Amino acid sequence: MKLNMGEDLRRLRRERDLTQEQLAEALGVTCQSVSRWENGACYPDVELLPVLAGFFGVSLDRLLGVDEAAVRQKRDGWLQAFRTALSRGAVNDGIRIARAGTAEFPNDFALLNKLMYALFLAGDEDGNSPDWREDRARFDAEIVALGERIAKYCPDTDIRLEATARLAFHHCDMGRPETGRALYETLPPLGFCREAQCWPGLRADERLPHARRL
């Protein structure tokens, strides 16, 4: 993902009616450093980024020149392409797309979860791959690594629980039932799930259909 920090930094400096020398003095750096930042020759040290953001009163994303709408659109494009591939039963294409997406957005947990899911499907005997046994063994370590990363670091509860349940199933399927059972034990108890707890918030006409789904 390309950053446009230099252009934004120059614009922010000019909006404050500051010269490069004045900004350099305020930050305790050389004028040559500011010039190199604005020309895109290099970026400020990471320790300076929050100082710069605070100085100009902007977010780090704004300072770094990140176009959040464009980033979101690109990320959603990878997710849509993944869904399209799987809707055709093209699991290998799904893996390829998810790998490309996570290469561009390595810390996006939705994409990481899709990659884990596609690798899991590749080793499913009910899937479309004639090499499912080989794929299941080949992708074992990667599925575990992805599942553990998502379970440990993902801030989205739904994605985290989905990946944890899939990882638990995978361990059981690979002959590691004790490990799978331990993961299952970390999932929320049934009494605290959304379906069990939302009853007081349902309208009268929603309650019977909801009860039938339980």
N, C-alpha and C. Protein backbone atom coordinates (compact mmCIF):
# COMPACT_ATOMS: atom_id res chain seq x y z
N MET A 1 0.85 -1.19 0.00
CA MET A 1 0.00 0.00 0.00
C MET A 1 0.89 1.25 0.00
N LYS A 2 0.78 2.06 -1.01
CA LYS A 2 1.63 3.24 -1.16
C LYS A 2 1.14 4.37 -0.26
N LEU A 3 2.11 5.00 0.42
CA LEU A 3 1.81 6.14 1.29
C LEU A 3 2.12 7.43 0.55
N ASN A 4 1.31 8.45 0.80
CA ASN A 4 1.52 9.77 0.19
C ASN A 4 1.84 10.79 1.26
N MET A 5 2.68 10.38 2.19
CA MET A 5 2.93 11.23 3.35
C MET A 5 3.59 12.55 2.97
N GLY A 6 4.51 12.50 2.02
CA GLY A 6 5.23 13.72 1.67
C GLY A 6 4.32 14.84 1.22
N GLU A 7 3.39 14.51 0.34
CA GLU A 7 2.46 15.53 -0.17
C GLU A 7 1.59 16.09 0.95
N ASP A 8 1.08 15.18 1.82
CA ASP A 8 0.22 15.64 2.91
C ASP A 8 1.00 16.47 3.93
N LEU A 9 2.24 16.07 4.20
CA LEU A 9 3.06 16.82 5.15
C LEU A 9 3.33 18.23 4.63
N ARG A 10 3.62 18.35 3.34
CA ARG A 10 3.85 19.66 2.75
C ARG A 10 2.58 20.52 2.85
N ARG A 11 1.43 19.90 2.56
CA ARG A 11 0.17 20.64 2.63
C ARG A 11 -0.12 21.08 4.06
N LEU A 12 0.09 20.20 5.02
CA LEU A 12 -0.16 20.55 6.43
C LEU A 12 0.77 21.68 6.88
N ARG A 13 2.02 21.63 6.46
CA ARG A 13 2.97 22.68 6.84
C ARG A 13 2.56 24.02 6.26
N ARG A 14 2.14 24.02 5.01
CA ARG A 14 1.75 25.28 4.37
C ARG A 14 0.45 25.82 4.95
N GLU A 15 -0.47 24.92 5.35
CA GLU A 15 -1.69 25.37 6.00
C GLU A 15 -1.40 26.11 7.30
N ARG A 16 -0.31 25.72 7.96
CA ARG A 16 0.11 26.41 9.20
C ARG A 16 1.03 27.58 8.92
N ASP A 17 1.28 27.86 7.62
CA ASP A 17 2.14 28.97 7.21
C ASP A 17 3.53 28.85 7.82
N LEU A 18 4.07 27.63 7.75
CA LEU A 18 5.40 27.37 8.29
C LEU A 18 6.38 27.08 7.15
N THR A 19 7.61 27.51 7.33
CA THR A 19 8.67 27.12 6.41
C THR A 19 9.22 25.76 6.85
N GLN A 20 9.99 25.14 5.96
CA GLN A 20 10.63 23.88 6.33
C GLN A 20 11.58 24.09 7.51
N GLU A 21 12.25 25.24 7.53
CA GLU A 21 13.17 25.54 8.63
C GLU A 21 12.43 25.64 9.96
N GLN A 22 11.27 26.29 9.94
CA GLN A 22 10.49 26.45 11.18
C GLN A 22 9.97 25.10 11.69
N LEU A 23 9.50 24.26 10.77
CA LEU A 23 9.03 22.94 11.18
C LEU A 23 10.18 22.10 11.72
N ALA A 24 11.32 22.16 11.06
CA ALA A 24 12.49 21.42 11.52
C ALA A 24 12.89 21.86 12.93
N GLU A 25 12.88 23.16 13.17
CA GLU A 25 13.24 23.68 14.49
C GLU A 25 12.25 23.22 15.55
N ALA A 26 10.96 23.21 15.21
CA ALA A 26 9.95 22.79 16.18
C ALA A 26 10.09 21.32 16.54
N LEU A 27 10.55 20.52 15.59
CA LEU A 27 10.67 19.07 15.82
C LEU A 27 12.05 18.66 16.29
N GLY A 28 12.99 19.56 16.22
CA GLY A 28 14.35 19.23 16.63
C GLY A 28 15.08 18.37 15.61
N VAL A 29 14.79 18.59 14.32
CA VAL A 29 15.47 17.85 13.26
C VAL A 29 16.08 18.86 12.30
N THR A 30 16.79 18.37 11.29
CA THR A 30 17.40 19.27 10.32
C THR A 30 16.40 19.65 9.22
N CYS A 31 16.65 20.77 8.61
CA CYS A 31 15.81 21.20 7.49
C CYS A 31 15.89 20.20 6.33
N GLN A 32 17.08 19.60 6.16
CA GLN A 32 17.24 18.61 5.11
C GLN A 32 16.33 17.40 5.34
N SER A 33 16.10 17.03 6.60
CA SER A 33 15.22 15.90 6.91
C SER A 33 13.80 16.21 6.47
N VAL A 34 13.32 17.42 6.80
CA VAL A 34 11.97 17.80 6.41
C VAL A 34 11.84 17.81 4.89
N SER A 35 12.84 18.31 4.20
CA SER A 35 12.81 18.36 2.75
C SER A 35 12.73 16.95 2.16
N ARG A 36 13.51 16.03 2.73
CA ARG A 36 13.51 14.65 2.23
C ARG A 36 12.16 13.98 2.49
N TRP A 37 11.54 14.28 3.63
CA TRP A 37 10.21 13.71 3.91
C TRP A 37 9.20 14.18 2.85
N GLU A 38 9.21 15.49 2.60
CA GLU A 38 8.23 16.06 1.69
C GLU A 38 8.45 15.62 0.25
N ASN A 39 9.70 15.33 -0.10
CA ASN A 39 10.00 14.88 -1.45
C ASN A 39 9.78 13.38 -1.63
N GLY A 40 9.44 12.69 -0.53
CA GLY A 40 9.20 11.26 -0.60
C GLY A 40 10.47 10.42 -0.64
N ALA A 41 11.61 11.06 -0.34
CA ALA A 41 12.87 10.31 -0.36
C ALA A 41 12.97 9.35 0.82
N CYS A 42 12.33 9.69 1.94
CA CYS A 42 12.33 8.82 3.12
C CYS A 42 11.18 9.24 4.01
N TYR A 43 10.97 8.48 5.07
CA TYR A 43 9.92 8.77 6.04
C TYR A 43 10.55 9.16 7.37
N PRO A 44 9.83 9.89 8.21
CA PRO A 44 10.34 10.20 9.54
C PRO A 44 10.51 8.92 10.37
N ASP A 45 11.38 8.98 11.37
CA ASP A 45 11.50 7.86 12.30
C ASP A 45 10.15 7.60 12.94
N VAL A 46 9.90 6.35 13.26
CA VAL A 46 8.58 5.97 13.78
C VAL A 46 8.27 6.71 15.09
N GLU A 47 9.31 7.05 15.88
CA GLU A 47 9.07 7.77 17.13
C GLU A 47 8.55 9.18 16.89
N LEU A 48 8.82 9.72 15.70
CA LEU A 48 8.40 11.09 15.38
C LEU A 48 6.97 11.16 14.86
N LEU A 49 6.44 10.03 14.41
CA LEU A 49 5.11 10.07 13.79
C LEU A 49 4.03 10.60 14.72
N PRO A 50 3.90 10.09 15.98
CA PRO A 50 2.88 10.66 16.85
C PRO A 50 3.16 12.12 17.23
N VAL A 51 4.44 12.50 17.26
CA VAL A 51 4.80 13.90 17.54
C VAL A 51 4.30 14.80 16.40
N LEU A 52 4.55 14.35 15.17
CA LEU A 52 4.09 15.11 14.00
C LEU A 52 2.57 15.20 13.97
N ALA A 53 1.91 14.05 14.22
CA ALA A 53 0.44 14.05 14.21
C ALA A 53 -0.11 15.00 15.26
N GLY A 54 0.49 14.98 16.46
CA GLY A 54 0.05 15.88 17.52
C GLY A 54 0.33 17.34 17.18
N PHE A 55 1.45 17.59 16.56
CA PHE A 55 1.82 18.97 16.21
C PHE A 55 0.80 19.57 15.24
N PHE A 56 0.36 18.77 14.26
CA PHE A 56 -0.59 19.28 13.27
C PHE A 56 -2.04 19.01 13.66
N GLY A 57 -2.25 18.27 14.74
CA GLY A 57 -3.63 18.00 15.19
C GLY A 57 -4.40 17.10 14.25
N VAL A 58 -3.74 16.07 13.70
CA VAL A 58 -4.40 15.15 12.77
C VAL A 58 -4.16 13.72 13.24
N SER A 59 -4.91 12.78 12.66
CA SER A 59 -4.70 11.37 12.98
C SER A 59 -3.46 10.86 12.26
N LEU A 60 -2.95 9.73 12.73
CA LEU A 60 -1.79 9.14 12.06
C LEU A 60 -2.14 8.74 10.63
N ASP A 61 -3.36 8.25 10.40
CA ASP A 61 -3.76 7.89 9.04
C ASP A 61 -3.71 9.09 8.12
N ARG A 62 -4.21 10.22 8.61
CA ARG A 62 -4.18 11.44 7.79
C ARG A 62 -2.74 11.86 7.53
N LEU A 63 -1.90 11.79 8.56
CA LEU A 63 -0.51 12.18 8.41
C LEU A 63 0.20 11.30 7.38
N LEU A 64 -0.09 10.02 7.40
CA LEU A 64 0.57 9.08 6.50
C LEU A 64 0.02 9.13 5.08
N GLY A 65 -1.03 9.93 4.89
CA GLY A 65 -1.58 10.06 3.55
C GLY A 65 -2.39 8.86 3.12
N VAL A 66 -2.92 8.12 4.10
CA VAL A 66 -3.70 6.94 3.77
C VAL A 66 -5.12 7.36 3.37
N ASP A 67 -5.54 6.95 2.21
CA ASP A 67 -6.90 7.18 1.75
C ASP A 67 -7.76 6.03 2.27
N GLU A 68 -8.43 6.28 3.41
CA GLU A 68 -9.13 5.20 4.09
C GLU A 68 -10.24 4.60 3.22
N ALA A 69 -10.94 5.44 2.46
CA ALA A 69 -12.01 4.93 1.60
C ALA A 69 -11.44 4.02 0.52
N ALA A 70 -10.32 4.42 -0.07
CA ALA A 70 -9.71 3.60 -1.12
C ALA A 70 -9.19 2.29 -0.57
N VAL A 71 -8.60 2.35 0.63
CA VAL A 71 -8.11 1.13 1.28
C VAL A 71 -9.26 0.18 1.55
N ARG A 72 -10.35 0.71 2.10
CA ARG A 72 -11.51 -0.12 2.41
C ARG A 72 -12.09 -0.73 1.13
N GLN A 73 -12.15 0.05 0.06
CA GLN A 73 -12.69 -0.45 -1.20
C GLN A 73 -11.81 -1.57 -1.75
N LYS A 74 -10.49 -1.42 -1.67
CA LYS A 74 -9.59 -2.45 -2.17
C LYS A 74 -9.71 -3.72 -1.34
N ARG A 75 -9.78 -3.57 -0.04
CA ARG A 75 -9.91 -4.73 0.84
C ARG A 75 -11.24 -5.45 0.60
N ASP A 76 -12.32 -4.69 0.46
CA ASP A 76 -13.62 -5.29 0.18
C ASP A 76 -13.63 -5.98 -1.17
N GLY A 77 -12.84 -5.48 -2.11
CA GLY A 77 -12.74 -6.12 -3.42
C GLY A 77 -12.13 -7.51 -3.32
N TRP A 78 -11.10 -7.66 -2.47
CA TRP A 78 -10.51 -8.98 -2.25
C TRP A 78 -11.53 -9.92 -1.63
N LEU A 79 -12.30 -9.43 -0.66
CA LEU A 79 -13.30 -10.28 0.00
C LEU A 79 -14.38 -10.71 -0.98
N GLN A 80 -14.81 -9.79 -1.84
CA GLN A 80 -15.84 -10.14 -2.83
C GLN A 80 -15.31 -11.15 -3.83
N ALA A 81 -14.08 -10.97 -4.27
CA ALA A 81 -13.48 -11.92 -5.21
C ALA A 81 -13.36 -13.30 -4.57
N PHE A 82 -13.05 -13.33 -3.30
CA PHE A 82 -12.96 -14.60 -2.58
C PHE A 82 -14.32 -15.29 -2.53
N ARG A 83 -15.35 -14.53 -2.17
CA ARG A 83 -16.69 -15.11 -2.11
C ARG A 83 -17.15 -15.63 -3.46
N THR A 84 -16.82 -14.89 -4.52
CA THR A 84 -17.20 -15.32 -5.86
C THR A 84 -16.53 -16.64 -6.23
N ALA A 85 -15.24 -16.75 -5.90
CA ALA A 85 -14.50 -17.97 -6.21
C ALA A 85 -15.10 -19.18 -5.48
N LEU A 86 -15.41 -19.00 -4.19
CA LEU A 86 -15.95 -20.12 -3.43
C LEU A 86 -17.37 -20.47 -3.85
N SER A 87 -18.12 -19.47 -4.31
CA SER A 87 -19.48 -19.75 -4.78
C SER A 87 -19.46 -20.64 -6.03
N ARG A 88 -18.34 -20.63 -6.76
CA ARG A 88 -18.18 -21.51 -7.93
C ARG A 88 -17.53 -22.83 -7.54
N GLY A 89 -17.20 -22.98 -6.28
CA GLY A 89 -16.52 -24.20 -5.84
C GLY A 89 -15.04 -24.20 -6.17
N ALA A 90 -14.50 -23.04 -6.52
CA ALA A 90 -13.09 -22.94 -6.91
C ALA A 90 -12.24 -22.63 -5.67
N VAL A 91 -11.99 -23.67 -4.88
CA VAL A 91 -11.28 -23.47 -3.61
C VAL A 91 -9.85 -23.00 -3.85
N ASN A 92 -9.17 -23.58 -4.84
CA ASN A 92 -7.79 -23.17 -5.11
C ASN A 92 -7.71 -21.71 -5.53
N ASP A 93 -8.70 -21.26 -6.31
CA ASP A 93 -8.75 -19.84 -6.66
C ASP A 93 -8.98 -19.00 -5.40
N GLY A 94 -9.82 -19.50 -4.50
CA GLY A 94 -10.05 -18.80 -3.23
C GLY A 94 -8.78 -18.66 -2.43
N ILE A 95 -7.99 -19.73 -2.39
CA ILE A 95 -6.71 -19.67 -1.67
C ILE A 95 -5.79 -18.64 -2.31
N ARG A 96 -5.72 -18.67 -3.64
CA ARG A 96 -4.85 -17.71 -4.35
C ARG A 96 -5.28 -16.27 -4.08
N ILE A 97 -6.58 -16.02 -4.14
CA ILE A 97 -7.10 -14.67 -3.90
C ILE A 97 -6.84 -14.24 -2.46
N ALA A 98 -7.09 -15.14 -1.51
CA ALA A 98 -6.88 -14.79 -0.10
C ALA A 98 -5.41 -14.53 0.18
N ARG A 99 -4.53 -15.29 -0.47
CA ARG A 99 -3.09 -15.05 -0.27
C ARG A 99 -2.70 -13.68 -0.82
N ALA A 100 -3.23 -13.34 -1.98
CA ALA A 100 -2.91 -12.03 -2.56
C ALA A 100 -3.45 -10.92 -1.68
N GLY A 101 -4.67 -11.10 -1.16
CA GLY A 101 -5.25 -10.09 -0.28
C GLY A 101 -4.47 -9.91 1.00
N THR A 102 -4.05 -11.01 1.61
CA THR A 102 -3.29 -10.90 2.86
C THR A 102 -1.88 -10.41 2.62
N ALA A 103 -1.36 -10.59 1.41
CA ALA A 103 -0.05 -10.02 1.09
C ALA A 103 -0.13 -8.50 1.07
N GLU A 104 -1.26 -7.97 0.58
CA GLU A 104 -1.44 -6.51 0.54
C GLU A 104 -1.88 -5.97 1.89
N PHE A 105 -2.70 -6.75 2.61
CA PHE A 105 -3.21 -6.32 3.91
C PHE A 105 -2.87 -7.40 4.95
N PRO A 106 -1.61 -7.47 5.36
CA PRO A 106 -1.17 -8.60 6.20
C PRO A 106 -1.77 -8.62 7.60
N ASN A 107 -2.37 -7.54 8.04
CA ASN A 107 -2.95 -7.51 9.38
C ASN A 107 -4.47 -7.40 9.36
N ASP A 108 -5.08 -7.72 8.21
CA ASP A 108 -6.54 -7.69 8.11
C ASP A 108 -7.08 -9.06 8.50
N PHE A 109 -7.77 -9.12 9.64
CA PHE A 109 -8.19 -10.41 10.17
C PHE A 109 -9.32 -11.03 9.37
N ALA A 110 -10.13 -10.23 8.70
CA ALA A 110 -11.18 -10.80 7.85
C ALA A 110 -10.55 -11.59 6.71
N LEU A 111 -9.51 -11.04 6.09
CA LEU A 111 -8.83 -11.74 5.01
C LEU A 111 -8.05 -12.95 5.53
N LEU A 112 -7.41 -12.80 6.67
CA LEU A 112 -6.69 -13.93 7.27
C LEU A 112 -7.66 -15.07 7.57
N ASN A 113 -8.85 -14.72 8.05
CA ASN A 113 -9.85 -15.73 8.35
C ASN A 113 -10.33 -16.44 7.08
N LYS A 114 -10.47 -15.68 5.98
CA LYS A 114 -10.87 -16.29 4.72
C LYS A 114 -9.79 -17.24 4.21
N LEU A 115 -8.53 -16.85 4.37
CA LEU A 115 -7.45 -17.73 3.95
C LEU A 115 -7.48 -19.02 4.77
N MET A 116 -7.65 -18.90 6.06
CA MET A 116 -7.74 -20.09 6.91
C MET A 116 -8.90 -20.99 6.46
N TYR A 117 -10.04 -20.37 6.17
CA TYR A 117 -11.22 -21.13 5.75
C TYR A 117 -10.96 -21.87 4.43
N ALA A 118 -10.33 -21.20 3.47
CA ALA A 118 -10.07 -21.83 2.18
C ALA A 118 -9.09 -22.99 2.33
N LEU A 119 -8.06 -22.82 3.14
CA LEU A 119 -7.11 -23.91 3.38
C LEU A 119 -7.81 -25.09 4.05
N PHE A 120 -8.71 -24.77 4.96
CA PHE A 120 -9.48 -25.81 5.64
C PHE A 120 -10.35 -26.57 4.63
N LEU A 121 -11.01 -25.84 3.72
CA LEU A 121 -11.86 -26.48 2.72
C LEU A 121 -11.05 -27.37 1.77
N ALA A 122 -9.82 -26.96 1.48
CA ALA A 122 -9.00 -27.74 0.56
C ALA A 122 -8.75 -29.15 1.10
N GLY A 123 -8.75 -29.29 2.44
CA GLY A 123 -8.53 -30.60 3.04
C GLY A 123 -9.80 -31.30 3.46
N ASP A 124 -10.93 -30.84 2.96
CA ASP A 124 -12.22 -31.44 3.32
C ASP A 124 -12.55 -32.54 2.31
N GLU A 125 -12.80 -33.74 2.79
CA GLU A 125 -13.09 -34.85 1.88
C GLU A 125 -14.38 -34.64 1.10
N ASP A 126 -15.25 -33.77 1.58
CA ASP A 126 -16.49 -33.47 0.85
C ASP A 126 -16.33 -32.30 -0.11
N GLY A 127 -15.11 -31.76 -0.21
CA GLY A 127 -14.87 -30.65 -1.11
C GLY A 127 -14.65 -31.11 -2.55
N ASN A 128 -14.11 -30.18 -3.34
CA ASN A 128 -13.94 -30.47 -4.77
C ASN A 128 -12.53 -30.88 -5.15
N SER A 129 -11.65 -31.03 -4.18
CA SER A 129 -10.26 -31.32 -4.51
C SER A 129 -9.99 -32.82 -4.45
N PRO A 130 -9.48 -33.39 -5.53
CA PRO A 130 -9.12 -34.82 -5.48
C PRO A 130 -7.91 -35.08 -4.60
N ASP A 131 -7.16 -34.02 -4.29
CA ASP A 131 -5.95 -34.16 -3.49
C ASP A 131 -6.20 -33.72 -2.04
N TRP A 132 -7.43 -33.90 -1.56
CA TRP A 132 -7.78 -33.36 -0.25
C TRP A 132 -6.94 -33.94 0.86
N ARG A 133 -6.56 -35.21 0.78
CA ARG A 133 -5.72 -35.80 1.84
C ARG A 133 -4.36 -35.12 1.90
N GLU A 134 -3.76 -34.96 0.74
CA GLU A 134 -2.45 -34.29 0.70
C GLU A 134 -2.56 -32.84 1.15
N ASP A 135 -3.64 -32.17 0.71
CA ASP A 135 -3.82 -30.76 1.08
C ASP A 135 -4.03 -30.62 2.59
N ARG A 136 -4.76 -31.55 3.18
CA ARG A 136 -5.03 -31.45 4.62
C ARG A 136 -3.72 -31.53 5.40
N ALA A 137 -2.84 -32.45 5.00
CA ALA A 137 -1.55 -32.56 5.68
C ALA A 137 -0.65 -31.37 5.35
N ARG A 138 -0.70 -30.94 4.08
CA ARG A 138 0.19 -29.85 3.64
C ARG A 138 -0.15 -28.52 4.30
N PHE A 139 -1.44 -28.28 4.53
CA PHE A 139 -1.87 -26.99 5.07
C PHE A 139 -2.07 -27.02 6.59
N ASP A 140 -1.80 -28.15 7.21
CA ASP A 140 -2.06 -28.30 8.65
C ASP A 140 -1.40 -27.19 9.47
N ALA A 141 -0.09 -27.04 9.33
CA ALA A 141 0.65 -26.07 10.15
C ALA A 141 0.19 -24.65 9.87
N GLU A 142 -0.13 -24.35 8.61
CA GLU A 142 -0.56 -22.98 8.26
C GLU A 142 -1.94 -22.68 8.84
N ILE A 143 -2.84 -23.66 8.78
CA ILE A 143 -4.16 -23.47 9.38
C ILE A 143 -4.03 -23.21 10.88
N VAL A 144 -3.20 -23.99 11.56
CA VAL A 144 -3.00 -23.81 12.99
C VAL A 144 -2.41 -22.43 13.29
N ALA A 145 -1.40 -22.03 12.52
CA ALA A 145 -0.76 -20.73 12.76
C ALA A 145 -1.76 -19.59 12.55
N LEU A 146 -2.55 -19.67 11.48
CA LEU A 146 -3.55 -18.63 11.23
C LEU A 146 -4.60 -18.60 12.32
N GLY A 147 -5.11 -19.78 12.70
CA GLY A 147 -6.13 -19.84 13.74
C GLY A 147 -5.64 -19.30 15.06
N GLU A 148 -4.43 -19.65 15.44
CA GLU A 148 -3.88 -19.16 16.71
C GLU A 148 -3.66 -17.65 16.68
N ARG A 149 -3.22 -17.14 15.55
CA ARG A 149 -3.01 -15.68 15.43
C ARG A 149 -4.33 -14.94 15.55
N ILE A 150 -5.36 -15.42 14.83
CA ILE A 150 -6.66 -14.77 14.88
C ILE A 150 -7.25 -14.86 16.28
N ALA A 151 -7.18 -16.04 16.88
CA ALA A 151 -7.75 -16.24 18.22
C ALA A 151 -7.08 -15.36 19.26
N LYS A 152 -5.81 -15.09 19.08
CA LYS A 152 -5.06 -14.32 20.08
C LYS A 152 -5.18 -12.81 19.89
N TYR A 153 -5.21 -12.36 18.64
CA TYR A 153 -5.07 -10.93 18.39
C TYR A 153 -6.29 -10.24 17.76
N CYS A 154 -7.21 -10.99 17.18
CA CYS A 154 -8.31 -10.34 16.44
C CYS A 154 -9.26 -9.62 17.40
N PRO A 155 -9.54 -8.32 17.18
CA PRO A 155 -10.46 -7.60 18.05
C PRO A 155 -11.93 -7.83 17.72
N ASP A 156 -12.21 -8.42 16.56
CA ASP A 156 -13.60 -8.68 16.16
C ASP A 156 -14.04 -10.01 16.77
N THR A 157 -15.03 -9.96 17.66
CA THR A 157 -15.45 -11.14 18.40
C THR A 157 -15.96 -12.24 17.48
N ASP A 158 -16.77 -11.89 16.49
CA ASP A 158 -17.33 -12.90 15.60
C ASP A 158 -16.24 -13.64 14.83
N ILE A 159 -15.29 -12.89 14.27
CA ILE A 159 -14.20 -13.52 13.52
C ILE A 159 -13.35 -14.37 14.44
N ARG A 160 -13.06 -13.86 15.63
CA ARG A 160 -12.22 -14.60 16.57
C ARG A 160 -12.87 -15.92 16.98
N LEU A 161 -14.16 -15.90 17.30
CA LEU A 161 -14.84 -17.12 17.72
C LEU A 161 -14.99 -18.10 16.56
N GLU A 162 -15.26 -17.58 15.37
CA GLU A 162 -15.37 -18.45 14.20
C GLU A 162 -14.06 -19.18 13.95
N ALA A 163 -12.95 -18.44 13.99
CA ALA A 163 -11.65 -19.05 13.75
C ALA A 163 -11.28 -20.04 14.86
N THR A 164 -11.64 -19.71 16.09
CA THR A 164 -11.33 -20.61 17.21
C THR A 164 -12.09 -21.93 17.06
N ALA A 165 -13.38 -21.86 16.72
CA ALA A 165 -14.17 -23.07 16.54
C ALA A 165 -13.63 -23.90 15.38
N ARG A 166 -13.24 -23.23 14.28
CA ARG A 166 -12.69 -23.96 13.13
C ARG A 166 -11.36 -24.61 13.50
N LEU A 167 -10.54 -23.90 14.26
CA LEU A 167 -9.25 -24.45 14.68
C LEU A 167 -9.45 -25.66 15.58
N ALA A 168 -10.41 -25.58 16.49
CA ALA A 168 -10.70 -26.71 17.37
C ALA A 168 -11.12 -27.92 16.55
N PHE A 169 -12.02 -27.72 15.59
CA PHE A 169 -12.46 -28.82 14.72
C PHE A 169 -11.28 -29.40 13.95
N HIS A 170 -10.42 -28.53 13.44
CA HIS A 170 -9.27 -28.98 12.66
C HIS A 170 -8.36 -29.86 13.51
N HIS A 171 -8.09 -29.45 14.73
CA HIS A 171 -7.25 -30.28 15.61
C HIS A 171 -7.88 -31.65 15.81
N CYS A 172 -9.18 -31.68 16.06
CA CYS A 172 -9.86 -32.97 16.25
C CYS A 172 -9.77 -33.81 14.98
N ASP A 173 -9.97 -33.17 13.83
CA ASP A 173 -9.95 -33.87 12.56
C ASP A 173 -8.56 -34.42 12.23
N MET A 174 -7.53 -33.76 12.76
CA MET A 174 -6.15 -34.18 12.51
C MET A 174 -5.63 -35.14 13.58
N GLY A 175 -6.53 -35.63 14.43
CA GLY A 175 -6.12 -36.60 15.44
C GLY A 175 -5.56 -35.99 16.70
N ARG A 176 -5.93 -34.74 16.98
CA ARG A 176 -5.47 -34.07 18.20
C ARG A 176 -6.69 -33.64 19.03
N PRO A 177 -7.52 -34.60 19.47
CA PRO A 177 -8.77 -34.25 20.13
C PRO A 177 -8.59 -33.50 21.45
N GLU A 178 -7.51 -33.78 22.16
CA GLU A 178 -7.31 -33.07 23.43
C GLU A 178 -7.09 -31.58 23.19
N THR A 179 -6.30 -31.26 22.17
CA THR A 179 -6.07 -29.86 21.83
C THR A 179 -7.36 -29.20 21.36
N GLY A 180 -8.11 -29.92 20.53
CA GLY A 180 -9.38 -29.38 20.06
C GLY A 180 -10.36 -29.16 21.20
N ARG A 181 -10.44 -30.12 22.10
CA ARG A 181 -11.36 -29.98 23.24
C ARG A 181 -10.99 -28.77 24.09
N ALA A 182 -9.70 -28.56 24.32
CA ALA A 182 -9.27 -27.41 25.12
C ALA A 182 -9.69 -26.10 24.46
N LEU A 183 -9.64 -26.04 23.14
CA LEU A 183 -10.08 -24.83 22.45
C LEU A 183 -11.59 -24.67 22.52
N TYR A 184 -12.31 -25.75 22.35
CA TYR A 184 -13.77 -25.68 22.48
C TYR A 184 -14.17 -25.14 23.86
N GLU A 185 -13.41 -25.49 24.88
CA GLU A 185 -13.73 -25.04 26.24
C GLU A 185 -13.58 -23.54 26.41
N THR A 186 -12.84 -22.90 25.49
CA THR A 186 -12.67 -21.44 25.59
C THR A 186 -13.83 -20.68 24.98
N LEU A 187 -14.70 -21.35 24.24
CA LEU A 187 -15.84 -20.68 23.61
C LEU A 187 -16.89 -20.31 24.65
N PRO A 188 -17.68 -19.26 24.42
CA PRO A 188 -18.69 -18.83 25.39
C PRO A 188 -19.72 -19.93 25.64
N PRO A 189 -20.20 -20.05 26.86
CA PRO A 189 -21.26 -21.04 27.14
C PRO A 189 -22.55 -20.66 26.44
N LEU A 190 -23.38 -21.66 26.18
CA LEU A 190 -24.61 -21.46 25.44
C LEU A 190 -25.52 -20.42 26.09
N GLY A 191 -25.54 -20.39 27.41
CA GLY A 191 -26.44 -19.47 28.10
C GLY A 191 -26.13 -18.01 27.88
N PHE A 192 -24.93 -17.70 27.38
CA PHE A 192 -24.56 -16.31 27.17
C PHE A 192 -24.45 -15.95 25.69
N CYS A 193 -24.94 -16.83 24.82
CA CYS A 193 -24.86 -16.52 23.40
C CYS A 193 -25.94 -15.52 23.03
N ARG A 194 -25.80 -14.90 21.89
CA ARG A 194 -26.73 -13.87 21.41
C ARG A 194 -28.16 -14.42 21.30
N GLU A 195 -28.26 -15.65 20.76
CA GLU A 195 -29.58 -16.23 20.54
C GLU A 195 -30.33 -16.45 21.85
N ALA A 196 -29.59 -16.83 22.90
CA ALA A 196 -30.24 -17.10 24.18
C ALA A 196 -30.56 -15.82 24.95
N GLN A 197 -29.79 -14.78 24.72
CA GLN A 197 -29.90 -13.57 25.54
C GLN A 197 -30.80 -12.49 24.94
N CYS A 198 -31.11 -12.56 23.65
CA CYS A 198 -31.80 -11.43 23.01
C CYS A 198 -33.32 -11.43 23.21
N TRP A 199 -33.86 -12.44 23.87
CA TRP A 199 -35.31 -12.58 24.00
C TRP A 199 -36.00 -11.31 24.51
N PRO A 200 -35.52 -10.66 25.58
CA PRO A 200 -36.22 -9.46 26.07
C PRO A 200 -36.27 -8.32 25.06
N GLY A 201 -35.35 -8.31 24.12
CA GLY A 201 -35.31 -7.23 23.14
C GLY A 201 -36.12 -7.49 21.88
N LEU A 202 -36.73 -8.65 21.78
CA LEU A 202 -37.50 -8.98 20.59
C LEU A 202 -38.91 -8.41 20.65
N ARG A 203 -39.43 -8.04 19.49
CA ARG A 203 -40.83 -7.66 19.42
C ARG A 203 -41.71 -8.89 19.57
N ALA A 204 -42.98 -8.68 19.87
CA ALA A 204 -43.89 -9.81 20.09
C ALA A 204 -43.98 -10.71 18.86
N ASP A 205 -43.98 -10.09 17.66
CA ASP A 205 -44.10 -10.90 16.44
C ASP A 205 -42.80 -11.61 16.07
N GLU A 206 -41.69 -11.26 16.73
CA GLU A 206 -40.42 -11.90 16.44
C GLU A 206 -40.14 -13.11 17.33
N ARG A 207 -40.85 -13.20 18.45
CA ARG A 207 -40.47 -14.20 19.45
C ARG A 207 -40.74 -15.63 19.01
N LEU A 208 -41.90 -15.90 18.42
CA LEU A 208 -42.20 -17.26 18.00
C LEU A 208 -41.23 -17.74 16.91
N PRO A 209 -41.00 -16.96 15.83
CA PRO A 209 -40.01 -17.39 14.84
C PRO A 209 -38.63 -17.61 15.45
N HIS A 210 -38.26 -16.74 16.41
CA HIS A 210 -36.96 -16.88 17.05
C HIS A 210 -36.89 -18.19 17.83
N ALA A 211 -37.95 -18.51 18.58
CA ALA A 211 -37.97 -19.74 19.37
C ALA A 211 -37.88 -20.97 18.48
N ARG A 212 -38.47 -20.93 17.30
CA ARG A 212 -38.42 -22.06 16.37
C ARG A 212 -37.02 -22.30 15.83
N ARG A 213 -36.24 -21.21 15.77
CA ARG A 213 -34.88 -21.35 15.24
C ARG A 213 -33.92 -21.91 16.27
N LEU A 214 -34.26 -21.85 17.53
CA LEU A 214 -33.36 -22.30 18.59
C LEU A 214 -33.27 -23.83 18.64
